[in-house]
């Protein structure tokens, strides 16, 4: 029985190379019992590779990791029964119903009889699938399939959950429901390690690790990252009517003291060095007297942009393709075993 504050995951210098590509580069961190820790980064940044090494599905090129007090590589078989894993490509039995899928995986983990029936009922309620218990998994829409995948990862009451982009393709309302489940579990002592590329849901994490090109750039509470990483002041720039934003963006990007400038929904978001600009000076720089400039909050996107330092989209896409190709050597059977 672990105690509150006990280290559940400890990675030390964890690295993984696929040929000439370094998918994970010297990553070190610790996660304590009951934490909800997010892993934020674009596709190909090393999030999934990190999880697979912690699960023992991939052997690190160098470094080490301990999960639930055991070595992640040499003691994998002792770790897996205590861990739930929801991968990006979760394998459901499409000819089985929701309830039958849960029952099958419950049996894999040694549940039977009344205990299995009771646990299935609890999971159906927890993930909101009670009314779909008799529907075939193959007939479920994407969001409901994700709920079922979540339920299967939870069926054996794991102490630790690895969730690899669990809300990908899920509508915003359902995503909020997923996070309610995560925090319900955390309050009961379950540790949650969840990867995402959604900036808005990253705000819900107790602590957040930011990954880019295989490197863990920062790890901390979202509020701390926004305060400590981004030095300067944030501004929202709103253009009147149908005024094109790109010319305004180009004007502001060239302005002295502007660290970052980008599109944010229907307006511009600008970071300036402290004291370098005022609302009035920014408005004047656009050349449009009707532009409105207001002080704004620093965002996690600002944090990521500051830390990532302008990696080109082409370079990121090329790296993502290489990592995905080489990661495919991990068999689906190994993933199913981890689940």
Protein backbone atom coordinates (compact mmCIF):
# COMPACT_ATOMS: atom_id res chain seq x y z
CA UNK A 1 0.00 0.00 0.00
CA UNK A 2 1.54 3.30 -1.10
CA UNK A 3 1.36 6.43 0.95
CA UNK A 4 0.38 9.90 -0.14
CA UNK A 5 3.42 11.60 -1.66
CA UNK A 6 5.20 8.34 -2.44
CA UNK A 7 6.99 8.32 -5.80
CA UNK A 8 5.04 6.25 -8.33
CA UNK A 9 7.10 7.00 -11.46
CA UNK A 10 10.78 7.92 -11.47
CA UNK A 11 12.56 8.37 -14.81
CA UNK A 12 16.30 9.08 -14.82
CA UNK A 13 18.08 10.10 -18.03
CA UNK A 14 15.57 8.14 -20.10
CA UNK A 15 16.47 8.11 -23.81
CA UNK A 16 15.33 6.22 -26.89
CA UNK A 17 16.85 6.30 -30.36
CA UNK A 18 15.46 4.80 -33.54
CA UNK A 19 18.38 4.75 -35.93
CA UNK A 20 19.47 8.36 -36.41
CA UNK A 21 16.37 9.76 -34.70
CA UNK A 22 16.37 10.48 -30.97
CA UNK A 23 12.73 10.06 -29.98
CA UNK A 24 13.29 10.72 -26.26
CA UNK A 25 16.35 12.62 -25.13
CA UNK A 26 17.63 12.32 -21.53
CA UNK A 27 14.26 12.74 -19.78
CA UNK A 28 14.20 12.88 -15.98
CA UNK A 29 11.14 13.39 -13.76
CA UNK A 30 9.18 12.01 -10.81
CA UNK A 31 5.44 11.63 -10.25
CA UNK A 32 3.85 11.07 -6.84
CA UNK A 33 0.78 9.08 -5.85
CA UNK A 34 -2.54 10.76 -6.64
CA UNK A 35 -1.09 13.33 -9.04
CA UNK A 36 -2.63 14.22 -12.39
CA UNK A 37 0.37 14.95 -14.58
CA UNK A 38 0.04 15.97 -18.20
CA UNK A 39 2.51 15.54 -21.04
CA UNK A 40 1.97 18.31 -23.60
CA UNK A 41 3.57 18.41 -27.01
CA UNK A 42 2.99 18.05 -30.75
CA UNK A 43 2.81 14.69 -32.47
CA UNK A 44 6.27 13.17 -32.72
CA UNK A 45 7.59 14.97 -29.65
CA UNK A 46 8.26 11.76 -27.70
CA UNK A 47 5.16 11.50 -25.50
CA UNK A 48 4.08 8.03 -26.61
CA UNK A 49 7.65 6.71 -26.67
CA UNK A 50 8.11 7.83 -23.05
CA UNK A 51 4.94 6.03 -21.98
CA UNK A 52 5.91 2.84 -23.79
CA UNK A 53 9.30 2.76 -22.08
CA UNK A 54 7.65 3.22 -18.68
CA UNK A 55 5.30 0.34 -19.52
CA UNK A 56 8.17 -1.90 -20.62
CA UNK A 57 6.91 -2.04 -24.20
CA UNK A 58 10.10 -0.39 -25.43
CA UNK A 59 13.57 -0.78 -23.99
CA UNK A 60 15.38 2.52 -23.46
CA UNK A 61 18.61 3.13 -25.32
CA UNK A 62 19.96 4.60 -22.10
CA UNK A 63 18.72 5.69 -18.71
CA UNK A 64 16.38 3.93 -16.32
CA UNK A 65 12.88 4.10 -14.88
CA UNK A 66 11.05 2.76 -11.86
CA UNK A 67 7.29 2.38 -11.82
CA UNK A 68 5.41 1.57 -8.61
CA UNK A 69 8.74 0.90 -6.96
CA UNK A 70 9.91 -1.63 -9.55
CA UNK A 71 12.29 -1.54 -12.49
CA UNK A 72 10.28 -0.73 -15.62
CA UNK A 73 12.25 -3.18 -17.78
CA UNK A 74 13.30 -6.14 -15.65
CA UNK A 75 10.11 -6.24 -13.54
CA UNK A 76 7.56 -5.40 -16.22
CA UNK A 77 5.38 -8.44 -15.52
CA UNK A 78 4.98 -7.39 -11.89
CA UNK A 79 4.05 -3.82 -12.85
CA UNK A 80 1.44 -4.44 -15.55
CA UNK A 81 -1.32 -5.91 -13.35
CA UNK A 82 -1.30 -2.68 -11.34
CA UNK A 83 -1.36 -0.36 -14.36
CA UNK A 84 -4.06 0.71 -16.79
CA UNK A 85 -3.06 1.81 -20.30
CA UNK A 86 -5.20 3.53 -22.91
CA UNK A 87 -3.25 3.84 -26.14
CA UNK A 88 -4.03 6.01 -29.15
CA UNK A 89 -5.04 2.91 -31.13
CA UNK A 90 -6.92 0.93 -28.54
CA UNK A 91 -8.01 -2.51 -29.77
CA UNK A 92 -11.65 -3.23 -28.93
CA UNK A 93 -13.45 -6.45 -29.84
CA UNK A 94 -15.95 -4.95 -32.25
CA UNK A 95 -18.26 -7.99 -32.37
CA UNK A 96 -18.68 -7.92 -28.60
CA UNK A 97 -20.99 -5.54 -26.78
CA UNK A 98 -19.77 -2.85 -24.42
CA UNK A 99 -20.56 -5.06 -21.43
CA UNK A 100 -18.95 -8.13 -23.01
CA UNK A 101 -15.73 -6.19 -23.73
CA UNK A 102 -15.57 -5.08 -20.11
CA UNK A 103 -16.34 -8.61 -18.94
CA UNK A 104 -13.63 -10.11 -21.13
CA UNK A 105 -10.92 -7.76 -19.90
CA UNK A 106 -12.15 -8.16 -16.33
CA UNK A 107 -11.59 -11.89 -16.73
CA UNK A 108 -8.10 -11.30 -18.11
CA UNK A 109 -7.29 -9.49 -14.88
CA UNK A 110 -8.68 -12.29 -12.75
CA UNK A 111 -12.13 -10.90 -11.91
CA UNK A 112 -15.01 -13.34 -11.82
CA UNK A 113 -18.52 -13.88 -10.52
CA UNK A 114 -20.15 -11.23 -8.38
CA UNK A 115 -16.94 -9.18 -8.11
CA UNK A 116 -16.67 -8.88 -11.89
CA UNK A 117 -20.35 -8.00 -12.32
CA UNK A 118 -20.12 -5.35 -9.62
CA UNK A 119 -16.97 -3.85 -11.15
CA UNK A 120 -18.51 -3.75 -14.64
CA UNK A 121 -21.51 -1.90 -13.24
CA UNK A 122 -19.28 0.61 -11.45
CA UNK A 123 -17.21 1.27 -14.58
CA UNK A 124 -20.30 1.66 -16.79
CA UNK A 125 -21.55 4.36 -14.43
CA UNK A 126 -18.15 6.02 -14.12
CA UNK A 127 -17.58 6.43 -17.88
CA UNK A 128 -21.23 7.07 -18.77
CA UNK A 129 -21.91 3.89 -20.75
CA UNK A 130 -24.73 2.39 -18.70
CA UNK A 131 -27.33 2.92 -21.44
CA UNK A 132 -25.02 1.47 -24.11
CA UNK A 133 -24.05 -1.70 -22.29
CA UNK A 134 -25.70 -3.96 -24.90
CA UNK A 135 -24.47 -2.10 -28.00
CA UNK A 136 -21.74 -3.69 -30.08
CA UNK A 137 -18.41 -1.91 -29.80
CA UNK A 138 -18.09 -1.75 -33.58
CA UNK A 139 -21.26 0.33 -33.80
CA UNK A 140 -20.13 2.99 -31.33
CA UNK A 141 -19.24 6.49 -32.51
CA UNK A 142 -15.71 7.75 -31.82
CA UNK A 143 -16.41 9.44 -28.49
CA UNK A 144 -18.24 6.42 -27.11
CA UNK A 145 -15.43 4.11 -28.25
CA UNK A 146 -13.02 6.30 -26.28
CA UNK A 147 -15.24 5.95 -23.22
CA UNK A 148 -15.20 2.17 -23.60
CA UNK A 149 -11.41 2.17 -24.01
CA UNK A 150 -11.21 4.21 -20.82
CA UNK A 151 -13.48 1.76 -19.02
CA UNK A 152 -11.33 -1.18 -20.06
CA UNK A 153 -8.22 0.57 -18.78
CA UNK A 154 -10.03 1.00 -15.43
CA UNK A 155 -11.67 -2.42 -15.10
CA UNK A 156 -9.05 -3.87 -12.73
CA UNK A 157 -8.86 -0.75 -10.49
CA UNK A 158 -5.25 0.10 -11.38
CA UNK A 159 -3.07 2.18 -9.10
CA UNK A 160 -1.57 4.00 -12.08
CA UNK A 161 -3.16 5.07 -15.39
CA UNK A 162 -1.25 5.85 -18.58
CA UNK A 163 -3.57 7.69 -20.96
CA UNK A 164 -2.14 8.48 -24.38
CA UNK A 165 -4.20 11.33 -25.86
CA UNK A 166 -7.44 9.81 -24.50
CA UNK A 167 -9.66 12.68 -25.68
CA UNK A 168 -8.41 12.84 -29.26
CA UNK A 169 -11.42 13.13 -31.55
CA UNK A 170 -13.82 13.65 -28.65
CA UNK A 171 -16.18 16.64 -28.57
CA UNK A 172 -15.51 19.42 -26.01
CA UNK A 173 -18.37 18.44 -23.69
CA UNK A 174 -17.22 14.82 -23.57
CA UNK A 175 -13.65 15.96 -22.96
CA UNK A 176 -14.79 17.81 -19.84
CA UNK A 177 -16.49 14.63 -18.70
CA UNK A 178 -13.27 12.67 -19.14
CA UNK A 179 -11.40 15.12 -16.93
CA UNK A 180 -14.08 14.83 -14.26
CA UNK A 181 -13.36 11.08 -14.26
CA UNK A 182 -9.60 11.67 -14.02
CA UNK A 183 -9.97 13.83 -10.93
CA UNK A 184 -12.47 11.49 -9.33
CA UNK A 185 -9.90 8.72 -9.66
CA UNK A 186 -7.06 10.93 -8.40
CA UNK A 187 -9.05 11.77 -5.27
CA UNK A 188 -9.21 8.04 -4.60
CA UNK A 189 -5.42 7.77 -4.87
CA UNK A 190 -4.99 6.72 -8.51
CA UNK A 191 -2.05 8.36 -10.27
CA UNK A 192 -2.81 9.74 -13.74
CA UNK A 193 -0.18 10.29 -16.43
CA UNK A 194 -1.93 11.71 -19.50
CA UNK A 195 -0.57 12.98 -22.79
CA UNK A 196 -2.34 15.63 -24.84
CA UNK A 197 -1.82 18.21 -27.54
CA UNK A 198 -4.82 20.30 -26.45
CA UNK A 199 -3.67 23.49 -24.72
CA UNK A 200 -7.03 24.05 -23.02
CA UNK A 201 -7.17 20.66 -21.30
CA UNK A 202 -3.51 20.92 -20.30
CA UNK A 203 -4.70 23.66 -17.94
CA UNK A 204 -6.53 20.99 -15.92
CA UNK A 205 -3.34 19.13 -14.98
CA UNK A 206 -1.90 19.45 -11.52
CA UNK A 207 1.54 19.50 -13.13
CA UNK A 208 2.43 19.69 -16.78
CA UNK A 209 5.47 18.46 -18.68
CA UNK A 210 6.18 20.18 -21.99
CA UNK A 211 7.83 18.01 -24.65
CA UNK A 212 9.40 19.02 -27.94
CA UNK A 213 11.72 17.05 -30.20
CA UNK A 214 12.19 14.40 -27.55
CA UNK A 215 13.23 16.77 -24.79
CA UNK A 216 11.33 17.57 -21.61
CA UNK A 217 11.58 21.36 -21.69
CA UNK A 218 9.80 22.09 -18.39
CA UNK A 219 7.67 20.44 -15.72
CA UNK A 220 5.48 22.30 -13.25
CA UNK A 221 2.03 23.59 -12.40
CA UNK A 222 0.50 25.43 -15.40
CA UNK A 223 0.25 28.66 -13.40
CA UNK A 224 3.92 28.40 -12.39
CA UNK A 225 5.03 27.74 -15.97
CA UNK A 226 3.15 30.79 -17.24
CA UNK A 227 4.67 32.95 -14.51
CA UNK A 228 8.24 31.65 -14.68
CA UNK A 229 8.81 30.84 -18.35
CA UNK A 230 7.31 33.82 -20.16
CA UNK A 231 9.11 37.02 -19.23
CA UNK A 232 7.10 40.04 -20.32
CA UNK A 233 3.55 41.24 -20.81
CA UNK A 234 0.67 39.76 -22.80
CA UNK A 235 -1.76 41.74 -24.96
CA UNK A 236 -4.83 40.96 -27.04
CA UNK A 237 -5.18 42.96 -30.24
CA UNK A 238 -8.68 43.12 -31.71
CA UNK A 239 -9.27 44.49 -35.19
CA UNK A 240 -12.60 46.10 -36.13
CA UNK A 241 -15.07 44.32 -38.41
CA UNK A 242 -13.51 42.24 -41.15
CA UNK A 243 -10.10 43.90 -40.96
CA UNK A 244 -7.47 41.36 -42.17
CA UNK A 245 -5.31 40.17 -39.29
CA UNK A 246 -2.20 39.06 -41.17
CA UNK A 247 -1.00 42.59 -42.11
CA UNK A 248 -1.48 43.65 -38.48
CA UNK A 249 0.43 40.57 -37.33
CA UNK A 250 3.33 41.38 -39.65
CA UNK A 251 3.46 44.97 -38.40
CA UNK A 252 3.50 43.94 -34.75
CA UNK A 253 6.06 41.16 -35.29
CA UNK A 254 8.57 43.73 -36.57
CA UNK A 255 8.06 46.06 -33.63
CA UNK A 256 10.91 46.54 -31.13
CA UNK A 257 10.29 44.75 -27.85
CA UNK A 258 7.80 42.22 -29.28
CA UNK A 259 8.88 38.70 -28.31
CA UNK A 260 5.99 36.77 -29.85
CA UNK A 261 2.95 37.59 -31.97
CA UNK A 262 0.36 35.19 -33.30
CA UNK A 263 -3.25 34.49 -34.13
CA UNK A 264 -5.52 33.47 -31.26
CA UNK A 265 -9.04 32.81 -32.47
CA UNK A 266 -10.46 35.98 -33.99
CA UNK A 267 -7.74 38.30 -32.67
CA UNK A 268 -3.99 38.64 -32.21
CA UNK A 269 -2.06 37.72 -29.07
CA UNK A 270 1.23 39.50 -28.44
CA UNK A 271 4.00 39.09 -25.86
CA UNK A 272 6.26 42.08 -25.29
CA UNK A 273 9.30 42.57 -23.13
CA UNK A 274 8.39 44.11 -19.79
CA UNK A 275 7.86 47.86 -20.19
CA UNK A 276 8.80 47.82 -23.87
CA UNK A 277 5.35 48.73 -25.19
CA UNK A 278 2.02 50.10 -24.05
CA UNK A 279 -1.48 49.48 -25.34
CA UNK A 280 -1.31 52.85 -27.09
CA UNK A 281 2.03 52.19 -28.78
CA UNK A 282 0.91 48.76 -29.99
CA UNK A 283 -2.28 50.22 -31.40
CA UNK A 284 -0.35 52.95 -33.21
CA UNK A 285 2.03 50.39 -34.69
CA UNK A 286 -0.83 48.66 -36.49
CA UNK A 287 -1.62 51.84 -38.40
CA UNK A 288 -5.32 51.42 -37.69
CA UNK A 289 -6.90 53.90 -35.31
CA UNK A 290 -9.83 51.55 -34.58
CA UNK A 291 -7.72 48.64 -33.33
CA UNK A 292 -8.28 47.81 -29.65
CA UNK A 293 -5.42 46.59 -27.44
CA UNK A 294 -6.06 45.17 -23.97
CA UNK A 295 -3.83 43.53 -21.33
CA UNK A 296 -4.19 39.74 -21.46
CA UNK A 297 -3.19 36.59 -19.60
CA UNK A 298 -0.14 34.57 -20.59
CA UNK A 299 -1.25 31.26 -22.15
CA UNK A 300 0.28 27.80 -22.26
CA UNK A 301 0.76 28.34 -25.97
CA UNK A 302 2.98 31.31 -25.05
CA UNK A 303 4.90 29.00 -22.72
CA UNK A 304 5.36 26.36 -25.42
CA UNK A 305 6.42 28.92 -28.03
CA UNK A 306 8.96 30.39 -25.64
CA UNK A 307 10.44 27.02 -24.76
CA UNK A 308 10.32 25.43 -28.23
CA UNK A 309 12.06 28.38 -29.85
CA UNK A 310 10.66 28.32 -33.35
CA UNK A 311 11.06 24.76 -34.64
CA UNK A 312 9.78 24.77 -38.21
CA UNK A 313 6.62 22.89 -39.11
CA UNK A 314 8.50 21.04 -41.86
CA UNK A 315 11.21 19.84 -39.45
CA UNK A 316 8.62 18.76 -36.90
CA UNK A 317 6.57 16.86 -39.53
CA UNK A 318 9.65 15.04 -40.84
CA UNK A 319 10.65 13.98 -37.32
CA UNK A 320 7.11 12.84 -36.51
CA UNK A 321 7.05 10.59 -39.58
CA UNK A 322 10.38 8.98 -38.67
CA UNK A 323 9.40 8.34 -35.06
CA UNK A 324 6.00 6.92 -36.04
CA UNK A 325 7.61 4.60 -38.59
CA UNK A 326 10.13 3.19 -36.15
CA UNK A 327 7.69 2.94 -33.25
CA UNK A 328 5.54 0.64 -35.40
CA UNK A 329 7.98 -2.15 -34.59
CA UNK A 330 6.17 -2.47 -31.24
CA UNK A 331 3.58 -5.18 -31.78
CA UNK A 332 -0.13 -4.78 -31.17
CA UNK A 333 0.01 -7.91 -29.03
CA UNK A 334 2.39 -6.25 -26.59
CA UNK A 335 0.07 -3.25 -26.34
CA UNK A 336 -2.90 -5.51 -25.69
CA UNK A 337 -0.94 -7.31 -22.97
CA UNK A 338 -0.18 -3.99 -21.27
CA UNK A 339 -3.85 -3.12 -21.29
